Amino acid sequence: MKMTKINIKTLFLGLILVGSATFVQAQTTQTDTANSTATATTTQAAQTASNPTIEGLKKQIEANPKDTESLAKLANAYQEASDWTNAVATWKKISVLLPDWAPSYYSQAYAYQSAKDDVNAKMAYEKYIATVKPEEVEQNKKNLAYAYFYIAFAERQSDPAKAKEHIAKSIQYDPTNQDAVKLSKALNS
């Protein structure tokens, strides 16, 4: 039986691309009230604690804290469970172990964004952009486009000139992104 070796960077790039599709929902979802948020957090913690995948991965990581593959699987499991706090913490651990691996910063940004922490999401997207190596740009175009779009969207009111620069980069990487095209028109009108 032939075993296929999975390139972890390619695997997580694919997972990240799937995750980036929820931007519009994350941007337009109204925030919950304090009570609803507290209840959701308690429910989320209970679901995470009873998740056998998460528990199994946590045990693997206890045995080998530097197992980046298991850490990445755990971070993704937390994201699937909408446990953004633990997802961010786990992606940060990966960033410490693999500081030059750009997808970990993109995933941190996605988790922060999903948790409605726009300030940290923006910083993580900026770190992602800075970490993508020139030889990796081609395979990361969609994610780079999205990261630049997010930053432009975040800066549209506070620094319109910077937002215009970022949206131009976003469109350069993905000219088919209609949200980016609309934002560009709005910024340049």
Protein backbone atom coordinates (compact mmCIF):
# COMPACT_ATOMS: atom_id res chain seq x y z
CA MET A 1 0.00 0.00 0.00
CA LYS A 2 1.46 3.33 -1.03
CA MET A 3 1.42 6.05 1.66
CA THR A 4 1.10 9.65 0.57
CA LYS A 5 3.20 12.17 2.44
CA ILE A 6 1.20 15.33 3.11
CA ASN A 7 3.05 18.60 2.94
CA ILE A 8 1.85 20.35 6.09
CA LYS A 9 2.24 23.81 4.55
CA THR A 10 0.06 22.84 1.60
CA LEU A 11 -2.49 21.19 3.88
CA PHE A 12 -2.90 24.21 6.10
CA LEU A 13 -2.83 26.64 3.21
CA GLY A 14 -5.89 24.80 1.93
CA LEU A 15 -7.53 24.90 5.35
CA ILE A 16 -6.81 28.60 5.62
CA LEU A 17 -8.31 29.28 2.20
CA VAL A 18 -11.48 27.50 3.28
CA GLY A 19 -11.56 29.54 6.49
CA SER A 20 -11.09 32.85 4.71
CA ALA A 21 -14.38 32.42 2.87
CA THR A 22 -16.30 33.51 5.99
CA PHE A 23 -15.01 37.11 5.98
CA VAL A 24 -18.22 38.74 4.90
CA GLN A 25 -20.16 36.91 7.59
CA ALA A 26 -17.56 37.84 10.21
CA GLN A 27 -17.64 41.48 9.11
CA THR A 28 -21.41 41.82 9.07
CA THR A 29 -22.43 39.77 12.11
CA GLN A 30 -23.76 41.91 14.94
CA THR A 31 -22.03 41.54 18.29
CA ASP A 32 -23.91 39.81 21.09
CA THR A 33 -24.89 41.39 24.35
CA ALA A 34 -22.69 40.72 27.36
CA ASN A 35 -25.06 38.06 28.75
CA SER A 36 -25.34 36.24 25.42
CA THR A 37 -21.57 36.32 25.01
CA ALA A 38 -21.00 34.93 28.50
CA THR A 39 -23.52 32.15 27.90
CA ALA A 40 -21.98 31.32 24.52
CA THR A 41 -18.50 31.22 26.05
CA THR A 42 -19.65 28.85 28.79
CA THR A 43 -21.40 26.60 26.27
CA GLN A 44 -18.38 26.70 23.99
CA ALA A 45 -16.03 25.72 26.83
CA ALA A 46 -18.26 22.77 27.70
CA GLN A 47 -18.36 21.63 24.07
CA THR A 48 -14.58 21.94 23.74
CA ALA A 49 -13.99 20.00 26.97
CA SER A 50 -16.17 17.13 25.74
CA ASN A 51 -14.65 17.06 22.23
CA PRO A 52 -12.73 13.76 21.91
CA THR A 53 -10.61 15.08 19.03
CA ILE A 54 -9.45 18.06 21.06
CA GLU A 55 -8.83 15.94 24.15
CA GLY A 56 -6.80 13.40 22.14
CA LEU A 57 -4.69 16.10 20.53
CA LYS A 58 -4.09 17.78 23.89
CA LYS A 59 -2.73 14.46 25.22
CA GLN A 60 -0.45 14.10 22.20
CA ILE A 61 0.87 17.62 22.74
CA GLU A 62 1.43 16.98 26.46
CA ALA A 63 3.70 14.11 25.42
CA ASN A 64 5.48 16.25 22.79
CA PRO A 65 4.88 20.02 23.21
CA LYS A 66 6.89 20.80 20.07
CA ASP A 67 4.76 18.64 17.75
CA THR A 68 3.71 21.41 15.37
CA GLU A 69 1.57 19.10 13.25
CA SER A 70 -0.53 18.10 16.28
CA LEU A 71 -0.65 21.73 17.42
CA ALA A 72 -1.97 22.78 14.01
CA LYS A 73 -4.60 20.04 14.13
CA LEU A 74 -5.57 21.19 17.62
CA ALA A 75 -5.82 24.84 16.53
CA ASN A 76 -8.07 23.79 13.65
CA ALA A 77 -10.18 21.65 15.98
CA TYR A 78 -10.64 24.65 18.27
CA GLN A 79 -11.66 26.74 15.25
CA GLU A 80 -14.18 24.11 14.18
CA ALA A 81 -15.59 24.26 17.72
CA SER A 82 -15.63 28.09 17.52
CA ASP A 83 -13.32 28.22 20.54
CA TRP A 84 -11.46 31.30 19.35
CA THR A 85 -9.53 31.93 22.56
CA ASN A 86 -7.89 28.50 22.50
CA ALA A 87 -7.46 28.65 18.72
CA VAL A 88 -5.50 31.91 19.01
CA ALA A 89 -3.42 30.58 21.91
CA THR A 90 -2.56 27.43 19.96
CA TRP A 91 -1.68 29.32 16.76
CA LYS A 92 0.57 31.55 18.88
CA LYS A 93 2.40 28.48 20.19
CA ILE A 94 2.98 27.39 16.60
CA SER A 95 4.28 30.87 15.72
CA VAL A 96 6.83 30.60 18.51
CA LEU A 97 7.99 27.19 17.26
CA LEU A 98 7.83 28.16 13.55
CA PRO A 99 8.25 31.97 13.46
CA ASP A 100 8.75 32.03 9.68
CA TRP A 101 5.64 30.00 8.86
CA ALA A 102 3.21 32.62 7.56
CA PRO A 103 0.02 30.49 7.70
CA SER A 104 0.14 30.51 11.50
CA TYR A 105 -0.21 34.31 11.50
CA TYR A 106 -3.01 34.17 8.95
CA SER A 107 -4.82 31.64 11.10
CA GLN A 108 -4.31 33.78 14.20
CA ALA A 109 -5.83 36.70 12.33
CA TYR A 110 -8.80 34.59 11.26
CA ALA A 111 -9.38 33.43 14.85
CA TYR A 112 -9.07 36.99 16.21
CA GLN A 113 -11.45 38.22 13.52
CA SER A 114 -13.95 35.49 14.34
CA ALA A 115 -13.71 36.50 18.01
CA LYS A 116 -14.48 40.09 16.94
CA ASP A 117 -11.03 41.30 18.09
CA ASP A 118 -10.36 43.57 15.13
CA VAL A 119 -7.24 45.25 16.53
CA ASN A 120 -5.38 41.96 17.02
CA ALA A 121 -6.77 40.56 13.76
CA LYS A 122 -5.31 43.51 11.86
CA MET A 123 -1.93 43.10 13.56
CA ALA A 124 -1.89 39.37 12.79
CA TYR A 125 -2.75 39.99 9.13
CA GLU A 126 0.07 42.54 8.99
CA LYS A 127 2.45 39.96 10.47
CA TYR A 128 1.23 37.40 7.93
CA ILE A 129 1.94 39.79 5.04
CA ALA A 130 5.41 40.53 6.42
CA THR A 131 6.18 36.83 6.90
CA VAL A 132 5.24 35.55 3.43
CA LYS A 133 8.49 34.89 1.62
CA PRO A 134 8.90 36.11 -1.99
CA GLU A 135 8.99 32.53 -3.28
CA GLU A 136 5.67 31.85 -1.48
CA VAL A 137 3.74 34.81 -2.89
CA GLU A 138 2.27 32.93 -5.85
CA GLN A 139 0.74 30.18 -3.70
CA ASN A 140 -0.50 32.74 -1.15
CA LYS A 141 -2.11 35.27 -3.51
CA LYS A 142 -5.70 34.71 -2.32
CA ASN A 143 -4.72 34.95 1.34
CA LEU A 144 -2.54 38.00 0.71
CA ALA A 145 -5.42 39.63 -1.16
CA TYR A 146 -7.73 38.96 1.75
CA ALA A 147 -5.21 40.18 4.35
CA TYR A 148 -4.68 43.43 2.45
CA PHE A 149 -8.45 43.80 2.03
CA TYR A 150 -9.04 43.33 5.75
CA ILE A 151 -6.38 45.90 6.65
CA ALA A 152 -7.77 48.37 4.09
CA PHE A 153 -11.25 47.86 5.49
CA ALA A 154 -9.97 48.43 9.04
CA GLU A 155 -8.09 51.60 8.03
CA ARG A 156 -10.72 53.07 5.70
CA GLN A 157 -11.78 55.74 8.21
CA SER A 158 -8.65 56.32 10.29
CA ASP A 159 -6.10 56.39 7.44
CA PRO A 160 -7.76 56.54 4.01
CA ALA A 161 -4.44 56.99 2.17
CA LYS A 162 -3.05 53.81 3.73
CA ALA A 163 -6.33 52.02 3.07
CA LYS A 164 -6.04 52.94 -0.63
CA GLU A 165 -2.54 51.44 -0.76
CA HIS A 166 -3.73 48.21 0.87
CA ILE A 167 -6.81 47.86 -1.31
CA ALA A 168 -4.69 48.37 -4.43
CA LYS A 169 -2.45 45.50 -3.26
CA SER A 170 -5.50 43.36 -2.54
CA ILE A 171 -6.83 43.87 -6.04
CA GLN A 172 -3.37 43.25 -7.49
CA TYR A 173 -3.38 39.79 -5.87
CA ASP A 174 -7.05 39.03 -6.60
CA PRO A 175 -8.76 41.29 -9.13
CA THR A 176 -11.90 39.11 -9.00
CA ASN A 177 -12.71 39.94 -5.36
CA GLN A 178 -15.85 42.05 -5.70
CA ASP A 179 -15.73 43.22 -2.07
CA ALA A 180 -12.24 44.63 -2.67
CA VAL A 181 -13.35 46.27 -5.93
CA LYS A 182 -16.31 47.90 -4.13
CA LEU A 183 -14.10 49.11 -1.29
CA SER A 184 -11.60 50.51 -3.81
CA LYS A 185 -14.37 52.44 -5.57
CA ALA A 186 -15.63 53.78 -2.24
CA LEU A 187 -12.14 54.85 -1.15
CA ASN A 188 -11.33 56.49 -4.47
CA SER A 189 -14.61 58.36 -4.95
